[in-house]
Amino acid sequence: MLRLTGQLRIAGGMGASVVIGWDMTAALAMSRALRLDPLIAAECLPEIEAVMVRKLNEQMAAERG
């Protein structure tokens, strides 16, 4: 998952930015390049993405005060 940090989709507005997810096309391409089972990647990535989005947005909100 650390390899996907450069593939974050971020939305900005109203003076703040929020993470909205990964570029799933890039994430699935990366999983193919790593020879991971595409079915497993397609099943697991959205679940992991949801946790990542929630935690990153919580962290950014805390840093903004």
C-alpha atoms as a PDB file:
ATOM      1  CA  MET A   1       0.000   0.000   0.000  1.00  0.00           C
ATOM      2  CA  LEU A   2       2.931   2.335   0.576  1.00  0.00           C
ATOM      3  CA  ARG A   3       3.663   2.148  -3.152  1.00  0.00           C
ATOM      4  CA  LEU A   4       0.326   3.858  -3.796  1.00  0.00           C
ATOM      5  CA  THR A   5       1.042   7.052  -1.842  1.00  0.00           C
ATOM      6  CA  GLY A   6       1.873   8.816  -5.117  1.00  0.00           C
ATOM      7  CA  GLN A   7      -1.516   7.806  -6.507  1.00  0.00           C
ATOM      8  CA  LEU A   8      -3.732   9.687  -4.049  1.00  0.00           C
ATOM      9  CA  ARG A   9      -6.754  11.525  -5.389  1.00  0.00           C
ATOM     10  CA  ILE A  10      -7.225  14.773  -3.489  1.00  0.00           C
ATOM     11  CA  ALA A  11     -10.034  17.312  -3.655  1.00  0.00           C
ATOM     12  CA  GLY A  12      -9.594  20.881  -2.492  1.00  0.00           C
ATOM     13  CA  GLY A  13     -11.960  23.658  -1.681  1.00  0.00           C
ATOM     14  CA  MET A  14     -13.168  25.956   1.067  1.00  0.00           C
ATOM     15  CA  GLY A  15      -9.611  26.324   2.350  1.00  0.00           C
ATOM     16  CA  ALA A  16      -8.998  22.634   2.960  1.00  0.00           C
ATOM     17  CA  SER A  17      -8.070  19.535   1.020  1.00  0.00           C
ATOM     18  CA  VAL A  18      -9.398  16.038   1.553  1.00  0.00           C
ATOM     19  CA  VAL A  19      -8.204  12.679   0.312  1.00  0.00           C
ATOM     20  CA  ILE A  20     -10.912  10.970  -1.748  1.00  0.00           C
ATOM     21  CA  GLY A  21      -9.073   7.771  -2.625  1.00  0.00           C
ATOM     22  CA  TRP A  22      -6.491   6.125  -4.807  1.00  0.00           C
ATOM     23  CA  ASP A  23      -6.305   6.183  -8.562  1.00  0.00           C
ATOM     24  CA  MET A  24      -7.674   2.650  -8.879  1.00  0.00           C
ATOM     25  CA  THR A  25      -6.530   2.283 -12.482  1.00  0.00           C
ATOM     26  CA  ALA A  26      -2.963   2.851 -11.322  1.00  0.00           C
ATOM     27  CA  ALA A  27      -3.475   0.648  -8.261  1.00  0.00           C
ATOM     28  CA  LEU A  28      -4.720  -2.275 -10.323  1.00  0.00           C
ATOM     29  CA  ALA A  29      -1.946  -1.781 -12.890  1.00  0.00           C
ATOM     30  CA  MET A  30       0.576  -1.865 -10.075  1.00  0.00           C
ATOM     31  CA  SER A  31      -0.939  -5.048  -8.708  1.00  0.00           C
ATOM     32  CA  ARG A  32      -0.614  -6.648 -12.162  1.00  0.00           C
ATOM     33  CA  ALA A  33       3.007  -5.508 -12.406  1.00  0.00           C
ATOM     34  CA  LEU A  34       3.659  -7.115  -9.023  1.00  0.00           C
ATOM     35  CA  ARG A  35       1.990 -10.305 -10.304  1.00  0.00           C
ATOM     36  CA  LEU A  36      -0.718 -10.220  -7.672  1.00  0.00           C
ATOM     37  CA  ASP A  37      -3.974 -12.018  -8.354  1.00  0.00           C
ATOM     38  CA  PRO A  38      -6.235  -9.366  -9.972  1.00  0.00           C
ATOM     39  CA  LEU A  39      -9.353 -10.784  -8.317  1.00  0.00           C
ATOM     40  CA  ILE A  40      -7.804 -10.472  -4.868  1.00  0.00           C
ATOM     41  CA  ALA A  41      -6.582  -6.940  -5.643  1.00  0.00           C
ATOM     42  CA  ALA A  42     -10.028  -5.892  -6.910  1.00  0.00           C
ATOM     43  CA  GLU A  43     -11.678  -7.322  -3.796  1.00  0.00           C
ATOM     44  CA  CYS A  44      -9.208  -6.004  -1.204  1.00  0.00           C
ATOM     45  CA  LEU A  45      -8.123  -2.601  -2.488  1.00  0.00           C
ATOM     46  CA  PRO A  46     -11.479  -0.807  -1.960  1.00  0.00           C
ATOM     47  CA  GLU A  47     -11.653  -2.036   1.642  1.00  0.00           C
ATOM     48  CA  ILE A  48      -8.108  -0.898   2.368  1.00  0.00           C
ATOM     49  CA  GLU A  49      -8.709   2.373   0.519  1.00  0.00           C
ATOM     50  CA  ALA A  50     -11.706   3.215   2.720  1.00  0.00           C
ATOM     51  CA  VAL A  51      -9.646   2.842   5.904  1.00  0.00           C
ATOM     52  CA  MET A  52      -6.754   4.836   4.400  1.00  0.00           C
ATOM     53  CA  VAL A  53      -9.064   7.689   3.342  1.00  0.00           C
ATOM     54  CA  ARG A  54     -10.718   7.896   6.746  1.00  0.00           C
ATOM     55  CA  LYS A  55      -7.434   7.851   8.681  1.00  0.00           C
ATOM     56  CA  LEU A  56      -5.619  10.347   6.438  1.00  0.00           C
ATOM     57  CA  ASN A  57      -8.535  12.783   6.544  1.00  0.00           C
ATOM     58  CA  GLU A  58      -8.734  12.475  10.339  1.00  0.00           C
ATOM     59  CA  GLN A  59      -5.005  13.169  10.589  1.00  0.00           C
ATOM     60  CA  MET A  60      -5.192  16.188   8.267  1.00  0.00           C
ATOM     61  CA  ALA A  61      -8.187  17.588  10.188  1.00  0.00           C
ATOM     62  CA  ALA A  62      -6.323  17.219  13.485  1.00  0.00           C
ATOM     63  CA  GLU A  63      -3.305  19.027  12.052  1.00  0.00           C
ATOM     64  CA  ARG A  64      -5.523  21.908  10.882  1.00  0.00           C
ATOM     65  CA  GLY A  65      -6.817  22.226  14.444  1.00  0.00           C
END
